[in-house]
């Protein structure tokens, strides 16, 4: 009886380890800094499911506005943040609404 319980425990532990190893781990999120009226970095390559957080370090308020309308932040000021999780593949070009010369691109695989 004890050997059977040990065998069952080992099997359960083995299945748990296999499940953990096969479960995709979330990649780290990415931060883009807004400083001197520019996005840094301005070009990103990431995987579906990753989140990008933009942090405004300028005094001026900015937006993160997708050129095709997929996402659009409200205006946010110094030390404020906006985050967006990319759930679809593609290339997403974005800009700042009041400062259209500020541009960035996110490529999602």
PDB file of N, CA and C in Angstrom:
ATOM      1  N   UNK A   1       0.826  -1.202   0.000  1.00  0.00           N
ATOM      2  CA  UNK A   1       0.000   0.000   0.000  1.00  0.00           C
ATOM      3  C   UNK A   1       0.864   1.258   0.000  1.00  0.00           C
ATOM      4  N   UNK A   2       1.909   1.284   0.825  1.00  0.00           N
ATOM      5  CA  UNK A   2       2.785   2.442   0.886  1.00  0.00           C
ATOM      6  C   UNK A   2       3.502   2.659  -0.434  1.00  0.00           C
ATOM      7  N   UNK A   3       3.911   1.577  -1.096  1.00  0.00           N
ATOM      8  CA  UNK A   3       4.597   1.698  -2.387  1.00  0.00           C
ATOM      9  C   UNK A   3       3.648   2.293  -3.428  1.00  0.00           C
ATOM     10  N   UNK A   4       2.393   1.899  -3.371  1.00  0.00           N
ATOM     11  CA  UNK A   4       1.399   2.433  -4.308  1.00  0.00           C
ATOM     12  C   UNK A   4       1.201   3.933  -4.080  1.00  0.00           C
ATOM     13  N   UNK A   5       1.132   4.371  -2.837  1.00  0.00           N
ATOM     14  CA  UNK A   5       0.972   5.789  -2.532  1.00  0.00           C
ATOM     15  C   UNK A   5       2.197   6.588  -2.985  1.00  0.00           C
ATOM     16  N   UNK A   6       3.382   6.023  -2.803  1.00  0.00           N
ATOM     17  CA  UNK A   6       4.611   6.697  -3.245  1.00  0.00           C
ATOM     18  C   UNK A   6       4.614   6.816  -4.767  1.00  0.00           C
ATOM     19  N   UNK A   7       4.233   5.740  -5.448  1.00  0.00           N
ATOM     20  CA  UNK A   7       4.185   5.758  -6.914  1.00  0.00           C
ATOM     21  C   UNK A   7       3.189   6.805  -7.415  1.00  0.00           C
ATOM     22  N   UNK A   8       2.026   6.873  -6.801  1.00  0.00           N
ATOM     23  CA  UNK A   8       1.024   7.861  -7.198  1.00  0.00           C
ATOM     24  C   UNK A   8       1.554   9.277  -6.960  1.00  0.00           C
ATOM     25  N   UNK A   9       2.210   9.500  -5.820  1.00  0.00           N
ATOM     26  CA  UNK A   9       2.792  10.812  -5.518  1.00  0.00           C
ATOM     27  C   UNK A   9       3.847  11.212  -6.532  1.00  0.00           C
ATOM     28  N   UNK A  10       4.704  10.273  -6.923  1.00  0.00           N
ATOM     29  CA  UNK A  10       5.746  10.550  -7.920  1.00  0.00           C
ATOM     30  C   UNK A  10       5.112  10.876  -9.265  1.00  0.00           C
ATOM     31  N   UNK A  11       4.076  10.145  -9.650  1.00  0.00           N
ATOM     32  CA  UNK A  11       3.385  10.412 -10.917  1.00  0.00           C
ATOM     33  C   UNK A  11       2.743  11.800 -10.919  1.00  0.00           C
ATOM     34  N   UNK A  12       2.095  12.153  -9.826  1.00  0.00           N
ATOM     35  CA  UNK A  12       1.464  13.477  -9.734  1.00  0.00           C
ATOM     36  C   UNK A  12       2.522  14.568  -9.810  1.00  0.00           C
ATOM     37  N   UNK A  13       3.621  14.386  -9.105  1.00  0.00           N
ATOM     38  CA  UNK A  13       4.710  15.354  -9.143  1.00  0.00           C
ATOM     39  C   UNK A  13       5.281  15.474 -10.556  1.00  0.00           C
ATOM     40  N   UNK A  14       5.468  14.338 -11.233  1.00  0.00           N
ATOM     41  CA  UNK A  14       6.000  14.345 -12.604  1.00  0.00           C
ATOM     42  C   UNK A  14       5.081  15.071 -13.569  1.00  0.00           C
ATOM     43  N   UNK A  15       3.782  14.837 -13.452  1.00  0.00           N
ATOM     44  CA  UNK A  15       2.822  15.518 -14.317  1.00  0.00           C
ATOM     45  C   UNK A  15       2.849  17.016 -14.042  1.00  0.00           C
ATOM     46  N   UNK A  16       2.944  17.400 -12.785  1.00  0.00           N
ATOM     47  CA  UNK A  16       3.022  18.821 -12.437  1.00  0.00           C
ATOM     48  C   UNK A  16       4.249  19.486 -13.020  1.00  0.00           C
ATOM     49  N   UNK A  17       5.392  18.821 -12.959  1.00  0.00           N
ATOM     50  CA  UNK A  17       6.628  19.369 -13.525  1.00  0.00           C
ATOM     51  C   UNK A  17       6.495  19.507 -15.036  1.00  0.00           C
ATOM     52  N   UNK A  18       5.958  18.495 -15.706  1.00  0.00           N
ATOM     53  CA  UNK A  18       5.775  18.560 -17.160  1.00  0.00           C
ATOM     54  C   UNK A  18       4.830  19.694 -17.533  1.00  0.00           C
ATOM     55  N   UNK A  19       3.755  19.868 -16.782  1.00  0.00           N
ATOM     56  CA  UNK A  19       2.816  20.959 -17.052  1.00  0.00           C
ATOM     57  C   UNK A  19       3.511  22.300 -16.922  1.00  0.00           C
ATOM     58  N   UNK A  20       4.302  22.479 -15.875  1.00  0.00           N
ATOM     59  CA  UNK A  20       5.010  23.739 -15.653  1.00  0.00           C
ATOM     60  C   UNK A  20       5.987  24.016 -16.786  1.00  0.00           C
ATOM     61  N   UNK A  21       6.712  23.000 -17.233  1.00  0.00           N
ATOM     62  CA  UNK A  21       7.705  23.185 -18.290  1.00  0.00           C
ATOM     63  C   UNK A  21       7.061  23.476 -19.638  1.00  0.00           C
ATOM     64  N   UNK A  22       5.873  22.960 -19.871  1.00  0.00           N
ATOM     65  CA  UNK A  22       5.200  23.168 -21.154  1.00  0.00           C
ATOM     66  C   UNK A  22       4.367  24.449 -21.188  1.00  0.00           C
ATOM     67  N   UNK A  23       4.061  25.024 -20.049  1.00  0.00           N
ATOM     68  CA  UNK A  23       3.271  26.255 -19.995  1.00  0.00           C
ATOM     69  C   UNK A  23       4.155  27.420 -20.400  1.00  0.00           C
ATOM     70  N   UNK A  24       3.781  28.135 -21.479  1.00  0.00           N
ATOM     71  CA  UNK A  24       4.618  29.264 -21.889  1.00  0.00           C
ATOM     72  C   UNK A  24       4.684  30.314 -20.790  1.00  0.00           C
ATOM     73  N   UNK A  25       5.853  30.773 -20.513  1.00  0.00           N
ATOM     74  CA  UNK A  25       6.042  31.819 -19.531  1.00  0.00           C
ATOM     75  C   UNK A  25       5.889  33.172 -20.222  1.00  0.00           C
ATOM     76  N   UNK A  26       5.218  34.112 -19.567  1.00  0.00           N
ATOM     77  CA  UNK A  26       5.020  35.435 -20.145  1.00  0.00           C
ATOM     78  C   UNK A  26       6.359  36.152 -20.255  1.00  0.00           C
ATOM     79  N   UNK A  27       6.625  36.664 -21.433  1.00  0.00           N
ATOM     80  CA  UNK A  27       7.844  37.446 -21.618  1.00  0.00           C
ATOM     81  C   UNK A  27       7.717  38.747 -20.848  1.00  0.00           C
ATOM     82  N   UNK A  28       8.838  39.316 -20.562  1.00  0.00           N
ATOM     83  CA  UNK A  28       8.807  40.557 -19.791  1.00  0.00           C
ATOM     84  C   UNK A  28       8.148  41.680 -20.592  1.00  0.00           C
ATOM     85  N   UNK A  29       7.513  42.550 -19.881  1.00  0.00           N
ATOM     86  CA  UNK A  29       6.887  43.696 -20.508  1.00  0.00           C
ATOM     87  C   UNK A  29       7.951  44.706 -20.923  1.00  0.00           C
ATOM     88  N   UNK A  30       7.570  45.621 -21.783  1.00  0.00           N
ATOM     89  CA  UNK A  30       8.511  46.567 -22.373  1.00  0.00           C
ATOM     90  C   UNK A  30       8.104  47.984 -21.980  1.00  0.00           C
ATOM     91  N   UNK A  31       9.100  48.808 -21.692  1.00  0.00           N
ATOM     92  CA  UNK A  31       8.863  50.203 -21.337  1.00  0.00           C
ATOM     93  C   UNK A  31       9.417  51.105 -22.425  1.00  0.00           C
ATOM     94  N   UNK A  32       8.602  52.084 -22.834  1.00  0.00           N
ATOM     95  CA  UNK A  32       9.036  53.126 -23.766  1.00  0.00           C
ATOM     96  C   UNK A  32       8.974  54.444 -23.002  1.00  0.00           C
ATOM     97  N   UNK A  33      10.052  55.189 -23.062  1.00  0.00           N
ATOM     98  CA  UNK A  33      10.109  56.476 -22.376  1.00  0.00           C
ATOM     99  C   UNK A  33       9.823  57.596 -23.369  1.00  0.00           C
ATOM    100  N   UNK A  34       9.037  58.558 -22.926  1.00  0.00           N
ATOM    101  CA  UNK A  34       8.759  59.753 -23.722  1.00  0.00           C
ATOM    102  C   UNK A  34       9.578  60.872 -23.105  1.00  0.00           C
ATOM    103  N   UNK A  35      10.563  61.335 -23.870  1.00  0.00           N
ATOM    104  CA  UNK A  35      11.449  62.382 -23.354  1.00  0.00           C
ATOM    105  C   UNK A  35      11.923  63.225 -24.522  1.00  0.00           C
ATOM    106  N   UNK A  36      11.946  64.542 -24.312  1.00  0.00           N
ATOM    107  CA  UNK A  36      12.360  65.476 -25.357  1.00  0.00           C
ATOM    108  C   UNK A  36      11.533  65.294 -26.635  1.00  0.00           C
ATOM    109  N   UNK A  37      10.251  65.071 -26.445  1.00  0.00           N
ATOM    110  CA  UNK A  37       9.297  64.930 -27.560  1.00  0.00           C
ATOM    111  C   UNK A  37       9.688  63.804 -28.511  1.00  0.00           C
ATOM    112  N   UNK A  38      10.110  62.665 -27.935  1.00  0.00           N
ATOM    113  CA  UNK A  38      10.467  61.483 -28.730  1.00  0.00           C
ATOM    114  C   UNK A  38      10.161  60.222 -27.923  1.00  0.00           C
ATOM    115  N   UNK A  39       9.877  59.127 -28.634  1.00  0.00           N
ATOM    116  CA  UNK A  39       9.677  57.816 -28.025  1.00  0.00           C
ATOM    117  C   UNK A  39      11.011  57.067 -28.043  1.00  0.00           C
ATOM    118  N   UNK A  40      11.424  56.542 -26.885  1.00  0.00           N
ATOM    119  CA  UNK A  40      12.682  55.805 -26.812  1.00  0.00           C
ATOM    120  C   UNK A  40      12.461  54.485 -26.095  1.00  0.00           C
ATOM    121  N   UNK A  41      12.644  53.352 -26.804  1.00  0.00           N
ATOM    122  CA  UNK A  41      12.981  53.241 -28.224  1.00  0.00           C
ATOM    123  C   UNK A  41      11.758  53.543 -29.088  1.00  0.00           C
ATOM    124  N   UNK A  42      12.017  53.913 -30.327  1.00  0.00           N
ATOM    125  CA  UNK A  42      10.914  54.260 -31.230  1.00  0.00           C
ATOM    126  C   UNK A  42      10.414  53.051 -32.011  1.00  0.00           C
ATOM    127  N   UNK A  43      11.212  51.989 -32.085  1.00  0.00           N
ATOM    128  CA  UNK A  43      10.810  50.770 -32.784  1.00  0.00           C
ATOM    129  C   UNK A  43      10.950  49.590 -31.831  1.00  0.00           C
ATOM    130  N   UNK A  44       9.897  48.784 -31.757  1.00  0.00           N
ATOM    131  CA  UNK A  44       9.886  47.605 -30.890  1.00  0.00           C
ATOM    132  C   UNK A  44       9.536  46.368 -31.684  1.00  0.00           C
ATOM    133  N   UNK A  45      10.106  45.233 -31.288  1.00  0.00           N
ATOM    134  CA  UNK A  45       9.708  43.922 -31.815  1.00  0.00           C
ATOM    135  C   UNK A  45       9.342  43.076 -30.617  1.00  0.00           C
ATOM    136  N   UNK A  46       8.116  42.543 -30.629  1.00  0.00           N
ATOM    137  CA  UNK A  46       7.664  41.756 -29.498  1.00  0.00           C
ATOM    138  C   UNK A  46       6.747  40.638 -29.940  1.00  0.00           C
ATOM    139  N   UNK A  47       6.361  39.821 -28.987  1.00  0.00           N
ATOM    140  CA  UNK A  47       5.471  38.692 -29.232  1.00  0.00           C
ATOM    141  C   UNK A  47       4.061  39.034 -28.793  1.00  0.00           C
ATOM    142  N   UNK A  48       3.083  38.316 -29.381  1.00  0.00           N
ATOM    143  CA  UNK A  48       1.696  38.503 -28.959  1.00  0.00           C
ATOM    144  C   UNK A  48       1.589  38.277 -27.457  1.00  0.00           C
ATOM    145  N   UNK A  49       0.805  39.104 -26.818  1.00  0.00           N
ATOM    146  CA  UNK A  49       0.584  38.980 -25.387  1.00  0.00           C
ATOM    147  C   UNK A  49       1.474  39.863 -24.544  1.00  0.00           C
ATOM    148  N   UNK A  50       2.488  40.474 -25.149  1.00  0.00           N
ATOM    149  CA  UNK A  50       3.350  41.366 -24.377  1.00  0.00           C
ATOM    150  C   UNK A  50       2.683  42.730 -24.224  1.00  0.00           C
ATOM    151  N   UNK A  51       3.003  43.384 -23.136  1.00  0.00           N
ATOM    152  CA  UNK A  51       2.461  44.700 -22.828  1.00  0.00           C
ATOM    153  C   UNK A  51       3.559  45.744 -22.954  1.00  0.00           C
ATOM    154  N   UNK A  52       3.217  46.852 -23.586  1.00  0.00           N
ATOM    155  CA  UNK A  52       4.124  47.994 -23.671  1.00  0.00           C
ATOM    156  C   UNK A  52       3.567  49.078 -22.756  1.00  0.00           C
ATOM    157  N   UNK A  53       4.445  49.653 -21.944  1.00  0.00           N
ATOM    158  CA  UNK A  53       4.068  50.774 -21.078  1.00  0.00           C
ATOM    159  C   UNK A  53       4.884  51.983 -21.488  1.00  0.00           C
ATOM    160  N   UNK A  54       4.196  53.050 -21.824  1.00  0.00           N
ATOM    161  CA  UNK A  54       4.832  54.324 -22.155  1.00  0.00           C
ATOM    162  C   UNK A  54       4.817  55.186 -20.905  1.00  0.00           C
ATOM    163  N   UNK A  55       5.963  55.758 -20.563  1.00  0.00           N
ATOM    164  CA  UNK A  55       6.075  56.637 -19.396  1.00  0.00           C
ATOM    165  C   UNK A  55       6.483  58.021 -19.888  1.00  0.00           C
ATOM    166  N   UNK A  56       5.672  59.004 -19.558  1.00  0.00           N
ATOM    167  CA  UNK A  56       5.923  60.371 -19.997  1.00  0.00           C
ATOM    168  C   UNK A  56       6.907  61.050 -19.050  1.00  0.00           C
ATOM    169  N   UNK A  57       8.046  61.466 -19.593  1.00  0.00           N
ATOM    170  CA  UNK A  57       9.030  62.200 -18.805  1.00  0.00           C
ATOM    171  C   UNK A  57       9.110  63.669 -19.224  1.00  0.00           C
ATOM    172  N   UNK A  58       8.232  64.068 -20.142  1.00  0.00           N
ATOM    173  CA  UNK A  58       8.167  65.464 -20.572  1.00  0.00           C
ATOM    174  C   UNK A  58       7.178  66.230 -19.702  1.00  0.00           C
ATOM    175  N   UNK A  59       7.301  67.555 -19.715  1.00  0.00           N
ATOM    176  CA  UNK A  59       6.331  68.405 -19.021  1.00  0.00           C
ATOM    177  C   UNK A  59       5.013  68.427 -19.801  1.00  0.00           C
ATOM    178  N   UNK A  60       5.110  68.381 -21.139  1.00  0.00           N
ATOM    179  CA  UNK A  60       3.919  68.420 -22.002  1.00  0.00           C
ATOM    180  C   UNK A  60       3.127  67.121 -21.899  1.00  0.00           C
ATOM    181  N   UNK A  61       1.820  67.223 -22.120  1.00  0.00           N
ATOM    182  CA  UNK A  61       0.979  66.031 -22.172  1.00  0.00           C
ATOM    183  C   UNK A  61       1.081  65.408 -23.560  1.00  0.00           C
ATOM    184  N   UNK A  62       1.001  64.079 -23.606  1.00  0.00           N
ATOM    185  CA  UNK A  62       1.107  63.332 -24.860  1.00  0.00           C
ATOM    186  C   UNK A  62       0.002  62.291 -24.941  1.00  0.00           C
ATOM    187  N   UNK A  63      -0.150  61.718 -26.133  1.00  0.00           N
ATOM    188  CA  UNK A  63      -1.014  60.555 -26.331  1.00  0.00           C
ATOM    189  C   UNK A  63      -0.214  59.482 -27.051  1.00  0.00           C
ATOM    190  N   UNK A  64      -0.727  58.266 -26.988  1.00  0.00           N
ATOM    191  CA  UNK A  64      -0.231  57.153 -27.792  1.00  0.00           C
ATOM    192  C   UNK A  64      -1.409  56.781 -28.678  1.00  0.00           C
ATOM    193  N   UNK A  65      -1.322  57.117 -29.957  1.00  0.00           N
ATOM    194  CA  UNK A  65      -2.447  56.962 -30.871  1.00  0.00           C
ATOM    195  C   UNK A  65      -2.035  56.098 -32.056  1.00  0.00           C
ATOM    196  N   UNK A  66      -2.665  54.929 -32.183  1.00  0.00           N
ATOM    197  CA  UNK A  66      -2.389  54.044 -33.303  1.00  0.00           C
ATOM    198  C   UNK A  66      -2.873  54.695 -34.593  1.00  0.00           C
ATOM    199  N   UNK A  67      -2.046  54.643 -35.638  1.00  0.00           N
ATOM    200  CA  UNK A  67      -2.404  55.273 -36.915  1.00  0.00           C
ATOM    201  C   UNK A  67      -3.666  54.681 -37.534  1.00  0.00           C
ATOM    202  N   UNK A  68      -3.969  53.409 -37.238  1.00  0.00           N
ATOM    203  CA  UNK A  68      -5.154  52.749 -37.811  1.00  0.00           C
ATOM    204  C   UNK A  68      -6.304  52.633 -36.812  1.00  0.00           C
ATOM    205  N   UNK A  69      -6.141  53.208 -35.629  1.00  0.00           N
ATOM    206  CA  UNK A  69      -7.247  53.257 -34.666  1.00  0.00           C
ATOM    207  C   UNK A  69      -7.383  52.067 -33.734  1.00  0.00           C
ATOM    208  N   UNK A  70      -6.382  51.183 -33.660  1.00  0.00           N
ATOM    209  CA  UNK A  70      -6.483  50.024 -32.767  1.00  0.00           C
ATOM    210  C   UNK A  70      -6.461  50.417 -31.293  1.00  0.00           C
ATOM    211  N   UNK A  71      -5.711  51.451 -30.954  1.00  0.00           N
ATOM    212  CA  UNK A  71      -5.640  51.903 -29.573  1.00  0.00           C
ATOM    213  C   UNK A  71      -5.373  53.400 -29.554  1.00  0.00           C
ATOM    214  N   UNK A  72      -5.796  54.031 -28.463  1.00  0.00           N
ATOM    215  CA  UNK A  72      -5.609  55.475 -28.308  1.00  0.00           C
ATOM    216  C   UNK A  72      -5.653  55.798 -26.829  1.00  0.00           C
ATOM    217  N   UNK A  73      -4.591  56.377 -26.329  1.00  0.00           N
ATOM    218  CA  UNK A  73      -4.554  56.738 -24.911  1.00  0.00           C
ATOM    219  C   UNK A  73      -5.236  58.079 -24.712  1.00  0.00           C
ATOM    220  N   UNK A  74      -5.624  58.355 -23.475  1.00  0.00           N
ATOM    221  CA  UNK A  74      -6.002  59.730 -23.147  1.00  0.00           C
ATOM    222  C   UNK A  74      -4.721  60.553 -23.053  1.00  0.00           C
ATOM    223  N   UNK A  75      -4.850  61.864 -22.960  1.00  0.00           N
ATOM    224  CA  UNK A  75      -3.687  62.703 -22.703  1.00  0.00           C
ATOM    225  C   UNK A  75      -3.134  62.320 -21.333  1.00  0.00           C
ATOM    226  N   UNK A  76      -1.812  62.187 -21.239  1.00  0.00           N
ATOM    227  CA  UNK A  76      -1.222  61.911 -19.945  1.00  0.00           C
ATOM    228  C   UNK A  76       0.046  62.737 -19.768  1.00  0.00           C
ATOM    229  N   UNK A  77       0.236  63.205 -18.525  1.00  0.00           N
ATOM    230  CA  UNK A  77       1.292  64.162 -18.230  1.00  0.00           C
ATOM    231  C   UNK A  77       2.545  63.553 -17.633  1.00  0.00           C
ATOM    232  N   UNK A  78       3.397  64.405 -17.159  1.00  0.00           N
ATOM    233  CA  UNK A  78       4.698  64.013 -16.609  1.00  0.00           C
ATOM    234  C   UNK A  78       4.536  62.953 -15.516  1.00  0.00           C
ATOM    235  N   UNK A  79       5.356  61.908 -15.640  1.00  0.00           N
ATOM    236  CA  UNK A  79       5.398  60.765 -14.721  1.00  0.00           C
ATOM    237  C   UNK A  79       4.140  59.900 -14.761  1.00  0.00           C
ATOM    238  N   UNK A  80       3.256  60.141 -15.709  1.00  0.00           N
ATOM    239  CA  UNK A  80       2.093  59.274 -15.881  1.00  0.00           C
ATOM    240  C   UNK A  80       2.402  58.223 -16.933  1.00  0.00           C
ATOM    241  N   UNK A  81       1.581  57.150 -16.934  1.00  0.00           N
ATOM    242  CA  UNK A  81       1.837  56.007 -17.813  1.00  0.00           C
ATOM    243  C   UNK A  81       0.597  55.639 -18.611  1.00  0.00           C
ATOM    244  N   UNK A  82       0.857  54.958 -19.721  1.00  0.00           N
ATOM    245  CA  UNK A  82      -0.202  54.316 -20.500  1.00  0.00           C
ATOM    246  C   UNK A  82       0.326  52.954 -20.918  1.00  0.00           C
ATOM    247  N   UNK A  83      -0.485  51.911 -20.748  1.00  0.00           N
ATOM    248  CA  UNK A  83      -0.080  50.557 -21.127  1.00  0.00           C
ATOM    249  C   UNK A  83      -1.067  49.966 -22.116  1.00  0.00           C
ATOM    250  N   UNK A  84      -0.534  49.132 -23.016  1.00  0.00           N
ATOM    251  CA  UNK A  84      -1.369  48.437 -23.991  1.00  0.00           C
ATOM    252  C   UNK A  84      -0.776  47.054 -24.221  1.00  0.00           C
ATOM    253  N   UNK A  85      -1.644  46.034 -24.207  1.00  0.00           N
ATOM    254  CA  UNK A  85      -1.226  44.661 -24.469  1.00  0.00           C
ATOM    255  C   UNK A  85      -1.552  44.317 -25.913  1.00  0.00           C
ATOM    256  N   UNK A  86      -0.546  43.881 -26.643  1.00  0.00           N
ATOM    257  CA  UNK A  86      -0.696  43.546 -28.059  1.00  0.00           C
ATOM    258  C   UNK A  86      -1.103  42.081 -28.193  1.00  0.00           C
ATOM    259  N   UNK A  87      -2.335  41.858 -28.652  1.00  0.00           N
ATOM    260  CA  UNK A  87      -2.882  40.507 -28.745  1.00  0.00           C
ATOM    261  C   UNK A  87      -2.953  39.992 -30.177  1.00  0.00           C
ATOM    262  N   UNK A  88      -2.610  40.826 -31.155  1.00  0.00           N
ATOM    263  CA  UNK A  88      -2.654  40.425 -32.563  1.00  0.00           C
ATOM    264  C   UNK A  88      -1.306  40.692 -33.226  1.00  0.00           C
ATOM    265  N   UNK A  89      -0.966  39.847 -34.191  1.00  0.00           N
ATOM    266  CA  UNK A  89       0.258  40.055 -34.969  1.00  0.00           C
ATOM    267  C   UNK A  89       0.073  41.219 -35.926  1.00  0.00           C
ATOM    268  N   UNK A  90       1.184  41.827 -36.307  1.00  0.00           N
ATOM    269  CA  UNK A  90       1.142  42.908 -37.285  1.00  0.00           C
ATOM    270  C   UNK A  90       2.105  44.023 -36.924  1.00  0.00           C
ATOM    271  N   UNK A  91       2.094  45.030 -37.754  1.00  0.00           N
ATOM    272  CA  UNK A  91       2.913  46.217 -37.523  1.00  0.00           C
ATOM    273  C   UNK A  91       1.983  47.361 -37.146  1.00  0.00           C
ATOM    274  N   UNK A  92       2.251  47.966 -36.008  1.00  0.00           N
ATOM    275  CA  UNK A  92       1.421  49.034 -35.478  1.00  0.00           C
ATOM    276  C   UNK A  92       2.246  50.315 -35.429  1.00  0.00           C
ATOM    277  N   UNK A  93       1.900  51.258 -36.281  1.00  0.00           N
ATOM    278  CA  UNK A  93       2.551  52.567 -36.262  1.00  0.00           C
ATOM    279  C   UNK A  93       1.698  53.483 -35.402  1.00  0.00           C
ATOM    280  N   UNK A  94       2.355  54.288 -34.583  1.00  0.00           N
ATOM    281  CA  UNK A  94       1.613  55.179 -33.691  1.00  0.00           C
ATOM    282  C   UNK A  94       2.287  56.546 -33.641  1.00  0.00           C
ATOM    283  N   UNK A  95       1.573  57.502 -33.090  1.00  0.00           N
ATOM    284  CA  UNK A  95       2.065  58.875 -32.985  1.00  0.00           C
ATOM    285  C   UNK A  95       1.448  59.532 -31.754  1.00  0.00           C
ATOM    286  N   UNK A  96       1.879  60.740 -31.485  1.00  0.00           N
ATOM    287  CA  UNK A  96       1.290  61.562 -30.430  1.00  0.00           C
ATOM    288  C   UNK A  96       0.324  62.531 -31.108  1.00  0.00           C
ATOM    289  N   UNK A  97      -0.894  62.558 -30.647  1.00  0.00           N
ATOM    290  CA  UNK A  97      -1.945  63.379 -31.271  1.00  0.00           C
ATOM    291  C   UNK A  97      -1.560  64.867 -31.353  1.00  0.00           C
ATOM    292  N   UNK A  98      -1.146  65.523 -30.258  1.00  0.00           N
ATOM    293  CA  UNK A  98      -0.812  66.944 -30.380  1.00  0.00           C
ATOM    294  C   UNK A  98       0.572  67.208 -30.992  1.00  0.00           C
ATOM    295  N   UNK A  99       1.396  66.164 -31.094  1.00  0.00           N
ATOM    296  CA  UNK A  99       2.750  66.323 -31.652  1.00  0.00           C
ATOM    297  C   UNK A  99       2.968  65.228 -32.699  1.00  0.00           C
ATOM    298  N   UNK A 100       2.352  65.342 -33.888  1.00  0.00           N
ATOM    299  CA  UNK A 100       2.346  64.245 -34.871  1.00  0.00           C
ATOM    300  C   UNK A 100       3.723  63.867 -35.412  1.00  0.00           C
ATOM    301  N   UNK A 101       4.732  64.698 -35.174  1.00  0.00           N
ATOM    302  CA  UNK A 101       6.096  64.350 -35.588  1.00  0.00           C
ATOM    303  C   UNK A 101       6.689  63.288 -34.656  1.00  0.00           C
ATOM    304  N   UNK A 102       6.070  63.069 -33.502  1.00  0.00           N
ATOM    305  CA  UNK A 102       6.504  62.004 -32.596  1.00  0.00           C
ATOM    306  C   UNK A 102       5.901  60.706 -33.101  1.00  0.00           C
ATOM    307  N   UNK A 103       6.755  59.773 -33.547  1.00  0.00           N
ATOM    308  CA  UNK A 103       6.267  58.529 -34.152  1.00  0.00           C
ATOM    309  C   UNK A 103       6.994  57.334 -33.576  1.00  0.00           C
ATOM    310  N   UNK A 104       6.297  56.201 -33.596  1.00  0.00           N
ATOM    311  CA  UNK A 104       6.887  54.939 -33.161  1.00  0.00           C
ATOM    312  C   UNK A 104       6.240  53.782 -33.901  1.00  0.00           C
ATOM    313  N   UNK A 105       6.877  52.618 -33.814  1.00  0.00           N
ATOM    314  CA  UNK A 105       6.379  51.422 -34.481  1.00  0.00           C
ATOM    315  C   UNK A 105       6.549  50.213 -33.562  1.00  0.00           C
ATOM    316  N   UNK A 106       5.514  49.371 -33.526  1.00  0.00           N
ATOM    317  CA  UNK A 106       5.565  48.116 -32.774  1.00  0.00           C
ATOM    318  C   UNK A 106       5.310  46.990 -33.770  1.00  0.00           C
ATOM    319  N   UNK A 107       6.249  46.055 -33.875  1.00  0.00           N
ATOM    320  CA  UNK A 107       6.086  44.860 -34.708  1.00  0.00           C
ATOM    321  C   UNK A 107       5.806  43.685 -33.798  1.00  0.00           C
ATOM    322  N   UNK A 108       4.654  43.033 -34.026  1.00  0.00           N
ATOM    323  CA  UNK A 108       4.229  41.923 -33.173  1.00  0.00           C
ATOM    324  C   UNK A 108       4.240  40.647 -33.999  1.00  0.00           C
ATOM    325  N   UNK A 109       4.990  39.645 -33.523  1.00  0.00           N
ATOM    326  CA  UNK A 109       5.052  38.334 -34.205  1.00  0.00           C
ATOM    327  C   UNK A 109       4.081  37.378 -33.568  1.00  0.00           C
TER     328      UNK A 109
END
